[in-house]
Amino acid sequence: MNRPNSAPNQAALDRAIRPVSDREFALFQKLIYREAGIYLVPAKKALLEARLTRRLLELGLSSFEAYYRRILEVDHNDELVVLLDRISTNETHFFREPKQFEFLENIVFPAWKEQNRSAGGSRQIRVWSAACSSGEEPYSLAMILWDHFPPGSGWDFDILATDISTRVLGAGSTAVWPIAKASEIPQDYLKKYMLRGTGEQSGHMKAGAELRSVVRFERLNLNDDDYPVSGNLDLIFCRNVLIYFDTGSRARVIQRLVDRLAPNGFLFVGHAESLTGVTDRVRYVVPTIYTTSDQPQTPLRPAMLNNRGVPTTR
């Protein structure tokens, strides 16, 4: 005789939760915009429902309104962080937007080295990877910086990686990724800076200790009125996140980022993003790259690329 399955299936659990209503969606829409600056258009109603349904099941709640009330309760303020984790989009890759890395190798780094030769002494490079997701961006920067400014060269660098999602920050701070992501990394960098997992870590790779020593992860909400990040940053990467803000929120974020750039610093945005009409405090250099410098840049020369279209070491 077959024993009935005592565990309810996923479809039955999902049916136990009432679909999100227009009124409930409006409540979350306003809450998420107020707290994160992210505006969910009505077409995102299904996305909100899909991303929050499992959380309602975990909490034993049967409606989205009940979950909304729980977030507002004083004793459950941490639930707001969970909400923002669940609705955040965290797609990222190593060496994403390869032309930006070409620009660093061909324009920025040679200029820094020339300036340092003229001035003498050591130089510290300060970098911020805002909306860093699971760490591929800051570790790409760590690899290229370590390769061009190795220990003993008189240079030092520090990379701050921030995101609103504690979930992806946790993943990034472990510096472990599926081995499939190795195809995104130039072979020279892969051999120098990544470790292949064995045993229980088989099928994964991990950043070496030298890379992990220069990248630090912190939670930061770009919609906050103030950022606990000091100024004079040489490079700020804030890519593929401005598209989730409306015009007002986007302008406020950019002003706060520019406030923290060094006089000759560079701001990098995503390929679908532009600062035209957003601020006049930075100058356009090439698509997706802006600077606080008023000096014209040397025209961008193509970098050596491997067959995946990402910059190789020289």
Foldseek 3Di string as FASTA:
>chain_A
DDDDDPDDDPVVLLVQADQADPVLVVLVQVVCCLQFQFHDDPVCSVVLRVLCSVVCVVVVHRYSVVVSVQCVDPVNVVVVLVSCQSNDDADDAACPPQVVVLCCVFFVLVVVVVVCVVVDAAEEAEEEEEQCFQARHLLSVLLSCCLSQPPPNRYHYAYEYEHSHPVSLVNNLQQKDFPVSVVRDPPVSCVVFKAADDDVRHRMIGGDPVSSVRYDYDYDRLQDQADPDAAQHQEYEDEPPLVRHPLVSSLSSVVRVLRRHRQFHKYFYYQVDDCVVSDPQWDDQDRRMTTNYPDHTDPRDDADADPVRHHDRD
